[in-house]
C-alpha atoms as a PDB file:
ATOM      1  CA  MET A   1     118.014  37.766-226.849  1.00  0.00           C
ATOM      2  CA  SER A   2     121.778  38.088-227.298  1.00  0.00           C
ATOM      3  CA  ASN A   3     123.396  39.426-230.460  1.00  0.00           C
ATOM      4  CA  LEU A   4     124.587  35.895-231.279  1.00  0.00           C
ATOM      5  CA  THR A   5     121.159  34.298-230.985  1.00  0.00           C
ATOM      6  CA  LYS A   6     119.480  37.180-232.823  1.00  0.00           C
ATOM      7  CA  LYS A   7     122.011  36.864-235.671  1.00  0.00           C
ATOM      8  CA  ALA A   8     121.454  33.078-235.795  1.00  0.00           C
ATOM      9  CA  ARG A   9     117.675  33.486-235.936  1.00  0.00           C
ATOM     10  CA  ILE A  10     117.931  36.010-238.787  1.00  0.00           C
ATOM     11  CA  PHE A  11     120.477  33.856-240.638  1.00  0.00           C
ATOM     12  CA  ALA A  12     118.347  30.693-240.313  1.00  0.00           C
ATOM     13  CA  THR A  13     115.180  32.564-241.295  1.00  0.00           C
ATOM     14  CA  ARG A  14     116.852  33.849-244.460  1.00  0.00           C
ATOM     15  CA  ALA A  15     118.421  30.483-245.302  1.00  0.00           C
ATOM     16  CA  HIS A  16     115.127  28.593-245.092  1.00  0.00           C
ATOM     17  CA  ALA A  17     113.181  31.399-246.820  1.00  0.00           C
ATOM     18  CA  SER A  18     115.699  31.454-249.688  1.00  0.00           C
ATOM     19  CA  ILE A  19     114.298  28.116-250.848  1.00  0.00           C
ATOM     20  CA  ASP A  20     110.736  28.756-249.628  1.00  0.00           C
ATOM     21  CA  HIS A  21     111.241  25.910-247.162  1.00  0.00           C
ATOM     22  CA  ARG A  22     107.969  25.033-245.442  1.00  0.00           C
ATOM     23  CA  ARG A  23     106.832  22.617-242.755  1.00  0.00           C
ATOM     24  CA  LYS A  24     105.677  19.403-244.377  1.00  0.00           C
ATOM     25  CA  TYR A  25     102.279  19.077-242.733  1.00  0.00           C
ATOM     26  CA  THR A  26     101.202  22.649-242.116  1.00  0.00           C
ATOM     27  CA  GLY A  27     102.782  24.656-244.923  1.00  0.00           C
ATOM     28  CA  GLU A  28     104.064  27.175-242.366  1.00  0.00           C
ATOM     29  CA  PRO A  29     107.445  28.794-243.022  1.00  0.00           C
ATOM     30  CA  TYR A  30     110.037  26.250-241.885  1.00  0.00           C
ATOM     31  CA  ILE A  31     111.626  28.649-239.404  1.00  0.00           C
ATOM     32  CA  VAL A  32     108.792  27.945-236.940  1.00  0.00           C
ATOM     33  CA  HIS A  33     110.507  24.633-236.159  1.00  0.00           C
ATOM     34  CA  PRO A  34     114.007  26.008-235.398  1.00  0.00           C
ATOM     35  CA  ILE A  35     112.393  28.769-233.332  1.00  0.00           C
ATOM     36  CA  GLU A  36     110.541  26.140-231.290  1.00  0.00           C
ATOM     37  CA  VAL A  37     113.728  24.103-230.843  1.00  0.00           C
ATOM     38  CA  ALA A  38     115.648  27.221-229.748  1.00  0.00           C
ATOM     39  CA  GLU A  39     112.926  28.106-227.231  1.00  0.00           C
ATOM     40  CA  ILE A  40     113.025  24.595-225.756  1.00  0.00           C
ATOM     41  CA  VAL A  41     116.816  24.856-225.429  1.00  0.00           C
ATOM     42  CA  ARG A  42     116.537  28.344-223.899  1.00  0.00           C
ATOM     43  CA  ALA A  43     113.938  27.118-221.361  1.00  0.00           C
ATOM     44  CA  ALA A  44     116.282  24.265-220.422  1.00  0.00           C
ATOM     45  CA  GLY A  45     119.026  26.749-219.583  1.00  0.00           C
ATOM     46  CA  GLY A  46     121.013  26.380-222.789  1.00  0.00           C
ATOM     47  CA  THR A  47     123.894  28.738-223.518  1.00  0.00           C
ATOM     48  CA  ASP A  48     123.794  31.331-226.286  1.00  0.00           C
ATOM     49  CA  VAL A  49     125.955  28.997-228.408  1.00  0.00           C
ATOM     50  CA  MET A  50     123.442  26.170-227.932  1.00  0.00           C
ATOM     51  CA  ILE A  51     120.499  28.454-228.733  1.00  0.00           C
ATOM     52  CA  ALA A  52     122.261  29.765-231.852  1.00  0.00           C
ATOM     53  CA  ALA A  53     122.962  26.177-232.946  1.00  0.00           C
ATOM     54  CA  ALA A  54     119.296  25.320-232.331  1.00  0.00           C
ATOM     55  CA  TYR A  55     118.256  28.053-234.765  1.00  0.00           C
ATOM     56  CA  LEU A  56     120.827  26.804-237.267  1.00  0.00           C
ATOM     57  CA  HIS A  57     120.458  23.051-236.739  1.00  0.00           C
ATOM     58  CA  ASP A  58     118.804  22.336-240.107  1.00  0.00           C
ATOM     59  CA  VAL A  59     120.441  24.938-242.378  1.00  0.00           C
ATOM     60  CA  VAL A  60     123.270  22.676-243.582  1.00  0.00           C
ATOM     61  CA  GLU A  61     120.985  19.673-244.155  1.00  0.00           C
ATOM     62  CA  ASP A  62     118.080  21.505-245.730  1.00  0.00           C
ATOM     63  CA  THR A  63     119.343  24.672-247.445  1.00  0.00           C
ATOM     64  CA  PRO A  64     122.250  25.621-249.716  1.00  0.00           C
ATOM     65  CA  ILE A  65     124.210  26.873-246.667  1.00  0.00           C
ATOM     66  CA  THR A  66     127.444  24.994-245.960  1.00  0.00           C
ATOM     67  CA  LEU A  67     129.119  24.321-242.641  1.00  0.00           C
ATOM     68  CA  THR A  68     131.977  26.555-243.824  1.00  0.00           C
ATOM     69  CA  GLU A  69     129.507  29.432-244.211  1.00  0.00           C
ATOM     70  CA  VAL A  70     128.240  28.794-240.674  1.00  0.00           C
ATOM     71  CA  LEU A  71     131.843  28.799-239.455  1.00  0.00           C
ATOM     72  CA  LEU A  72     132.596  32.106-241.186  1.00  0.00           C
ATOM     73  CA  ALA A  73     129.419  33.733-239.892  1.00  0.00           C
ATOM     74  CA  PHE A  74     129.393  32.368-236.325  1.00  0.00           C
ATOM     75  CA  GLY A  75     132.813  30.997-235.444  1.00  0.00           C
ATOM     76  CA  GLY A  76     134.088  27.578-234.476  1.00  0.00           C
ATOM     77  CA  GLU A  77     132.035  26.916-231.370  1.00  0.00           C
ATOM     78  CA  VAL A  78     128.665  27.360-233.097  1.00  0.00           C
ATOM     79  CA  ALA A  79     129.817  25.675-236.320  1.00  0.00           C
ATOM     80  CA  ASN A  80     131.158  22.681-234.400  1.00  0.00           C
ATOM     81  CA  LEU A  81     127.825  22.251-232.645  1.00  0.00           C
ATOM     82  CA  VAL A  82     125.888  22.621-235.914  1.00  0.00           C
ATOM     83  CA  GLY A  83     128.183  19.972-237.403  1.00  0.00           C
ATOM     84  CA  TRP A  84     127.247  17.563-234.625  1.00  0.00           C
ATOM     85  CA  LEU A  85     123.547  18.312-235.244  1.00  0.00           C
ATOM     86  CA  THR A  86     123.775  17.708-238.994  1.00  0.00           C
ATOM     87  CA  ASP A  87     123.104  14.241-240.380  1.00  0.00           C
ATOM     88  CA  VAL A  88     126.238  12.789-241.953  1.00  0.00           C
ATOM     89  CA  SER A  89     124.615  10.056-244.036  1.00  0.00           C
ATOM     90  CA  VAL A  90     123.913  10.509-247.729  1.00  0.00           C
ATOM     91  CA  PRO A  91     121.463   8.643-249.984  1.00  0.00           C
ATOM     92  CA  GLU A  92     124.337   6.618-251.442  1.00  0.00           C
ATOM     93  CA  ASP A  93     124.885   5.062-247.997  1.00  0.00           C
ATOM     94  CA  GLY A  94     121.860   2.817-248.504  1.00  0.00           C
ATOM     95  CA  ASN A  95     118.278   2.525-247.355  1.00  0.00           C
ATOM     96  CA  ARG A  96     116.708   4.568-244.574  1.00  0.00           C
ATOM     97  CA  ALA A  97     117.652   2.057-241.874  1.00  0.00           C
ATOM     98  CA  LYS A  98     121.336   2.124-242.881  1.00  0.00           C
ATOM     99  CA  ARG A  99     121.387   5.922-243.088  1.00  0.00           C
ATOM    100  CA  LYS A 100     119.683   6.290-239.708  1.00  0.00           C
ATOM    101  CA  GLY A 101     122.231   3.874-238.229  1.00  0.00           C
ATOM    102  CA  ILE A 102     125.104   6.035-239.508  1.00  0.00           C
ATOM    103  CA  ASP A 103     123.459   9.187-238.145  1.00  0.00           C
ATOM    104  CA  LEU A 104     122.767   7.452-234.818  1.00  0.00           C
ATOM    105  CA  LYS A 105     126.474   6.658-234.372  1.00  0.00           C
ATOM    106  CA  HIS A 106     127.331  10.270-235.201  1.00  0.00           C
ATOM    107  CA  SER A 107     124.821  11.531-232.617  1.00  0.00           C
ATOM    108  CA  ALA A 108     126.099   9.093-229.989  1.00  0.00           C
ATOM    109  CA  SER A 109     129.592  10.605-230.273  1.00  0.00           C
ATOM    110  CA  ALA A 110     128.340  14.187-229.982  1.00  0.00           C
ATOM    111  CA  PRO A 111     129.006  16.373-226.940  1.00  0.00           C
ATOM    112  CA  ALA A 112     126.395  17.052-224.251  1.00  0.00           C
ATOM    113  CA  GLU A 113     125.409  20.414-225.774  1.00  0.00           C
ATOM    114  CA  ALA A 114     124.515  18.713-229.057  1.00  0.00           C
ATOM    115  CA  HIS A 115     122.548  16.042-227.205  1.00  0.00           C
ATOM    116  CA  THR A 116     120.484  18.760-225.524  1.00  0.00           C
ATOM    117  CA  VAL A 117     119.683  20.502-228.823  1.00  0.00           C
ATOM    118  CA  LYS A 118     118.932  17.134-230.452  1.00  0.00           C
ATOM    119  CA  LEU A 119     116.500  16.325-227.625  1.00  0.00           C
ATOM    120  CA  ALA A 120     114.733  19.650-228.198  1.00  0.00           C
ATOM    121  CA  ASP A 121     114.564  18.862-231.927  1.00  0.00           C
ATOM    122  CA  LEU A 122     113.121  15.422-231.171  1.00  0.00           C
ATOM    123  CA  ILE A 123     110.466  16.941-228.891  1.00  0.00           C
ATOM    124  CA  SER A 124     109.421  19.470-231.539  1.00  0.00           C
ATOM    125  CA  ASN A 125     109.332  16.979-234.408  1.00  0.00           C
ATOM    126  CA  THR A 126     107.603  14.234-232.437  1.00  0.00           C
ATOM    127  CA  SER A 127     104.757  16.556-231.572  1.00  0.00           C
ATOM    128  CA  SER A 128     104.247  17.512-235.211  1.00  0.00           C
ATOM    129  CA  ILE A 129     104.689  14.076-236.774  1.00  0.00           C
ATOM    130  CA  THR A 130     102.462  12.188-234.356  1.00  0.00           C
ATOM    131  CA  LYS A 131      99.736  14.809-234.811  1.00  0.00           C
ATOM    132  CA  HIS A 132      99.831  15.016-238.607  1.00  0.00           C
ATOM    133  CA  ASP A 133     101.152  11.664-239.906  1.00  0.00           C
ATOM    134  CA  PRO A 134     100.188   8.696-237.691  1.00  0.00           C
ATOM    135  CA  LYS A 135     101.271   6.172-240.342  1.00  0.00           C
ATOM    136  CA  PHE A 136     104.844   7.515-240.592  1.00  0.00           C
ATOM    137  CA  ALA A 137     104.877   8.180-236.850  1.00  0.00           C
ATOM    138  CA  LYS A 138     105.067   4.436-236.144  1.00  0.00           C
ATOM    139  CA  LEU A 139     108.434   4.176-237.926  1.00  0.00           C
ATOM    140  CA  TYR A 140     109.569   7.558-236.616  1.00  0.00           C
ATOM    141  CA  ILE A 141     108.854   6.587-232.989  1.00  0.00           C
ATOM    142  CA  ARG A 142     110.894   3.374-233.319  1.00  0.00           C
ATOM    143  CA  GLU A 143     113.811   5.430-234.671  1.00  0.00           C
ATOM    144  CA  LYS A 144     113.502   7.964-231.855  1.00  0.00           C
ATOM    145  CA  GLU A 145     113.548   5.242-229.210  1.00  0.00           C
ATOM    146  CA  LEU A 146     116.964   4.218-230.544  1.00  0.00           C
ATOM    147  CA  LEU A 147     118.094   7.842-230.614  1.00  0.00           C
ATOM    148  CA  LEU A 148     116.996   8.390-227.015  1.00  0.00           C
ATOM    149  CA  ASP A 149     119.186   5.449-225.999  1.00  0.00           C
ATOM    150  CA  VAL A 150     122.287   7.370-227.153  1.00  0.00           C
ATOM    151  CA  LEU A 151     121.342  10.932-226.177  1.00  0.00           C
ATOM    152  CA  THR A 152     122.414  10.299-222.604  1.00  0.00           C
ATOM    153  CA  LYS A 153     124.679  13.340-222.166  1.00  0.00           C
ATOM    154  CA  GLY A 154     121.954  15.916-222.804  1.00  0.00           C
ATOM    155  CA  ASP A 155     119.728  17.800-220.406  1.00  0.00           C
ATOM    156  CA  LYS A 156     118.050  15.237-218.122  1.00  0.00           C
ATOM    157  CA  VAL A 157     114.721  17.083-217.965  1.00  0.00           C
ATOM    158  CA  LEU A 158     114.513  17.206-221.763  1.00  0.00           C
ATOM    159  CA  HIS A 159     115.501  13.540-221.980  1.00  0.00           C
ATOM    160  CA  THR A 160     112.714  12.612-219.583  1.00  0.00           C
ATOM    161  CA  ARG A 161     110.236  14.798-221.478  1.00  0.00           C
ATOM    162  CA  ALA A 162     111.204  13.260-224.841  1.00  0.00           C
ATOM    163  CA  THR A 163     111.076   9.743-223.423  1.00  0.00           C
ATOM    164  CA  LYS A 164     107.587  10.316-221.991  1.00  0.00           C
ATOM    165  CA  GLN A 165     106.422  11.828-225.272  1.00  0.00           C
ATOM    166  CA  VAL A 166     107.650   8.813-227.261  1.00  0.00           C
ATOM    167  CA  LYS A 167     106.246   6.344-224.722  1.00  0.00           C
ATOM    168  CA  THR A 168     102.851   8.081-224.626  1.00  0.00           C
ATOM    169  CA  TYR A 169     102.530   7.892-228.396  1.00  0.00           C
ATOM    170  CA  LYS A 170     103.740   4.278-228.513  1.00  0.00           C
ATOM    171  CA  ASP A 171     101.258   3.286-225.792  1.00  0.00           C
ATOM    172  CA  SER A 172      98.435   4.847-227.813  1.00  0.00           C
ATOM    173  CA  LEU A 173      99.049   2.509-230.755  1.00  0.00           C
END
């Protein structure tokens, strides 16, 4: 593990722990999810910047940490990638469908590195949601099908894996 990725893992662990952030269905410390995403990115041959961003991908959305703090701690390359991985919609933008549409457009414009991390995030979350919340999973899977349509610049193996995962769940309905 490089100094950058180690620093990102520690930073993300502290950020999520500072609010006692836990996984919705299991109650585990939230950091288990970013660790899984980072490991998927690492296995796909991601760079240290991509792996660091994978650890940090939810800190701006889910903790008091700002993108400016990420920039100061990790520099522009990591902060830029985290910015692409952070949802840009806010509750005032409307209902879930409207917000997801705004975030989908943001993701579509993201660079290939962000698409790869987003695919790893999708793989991790899909596994958890389909296992623990079949009712919500129906809506979630429809949203992820749309997301997969725009994540075309990411790692092809991860895209295929995510697509199969979504299709397998959809076929089981």
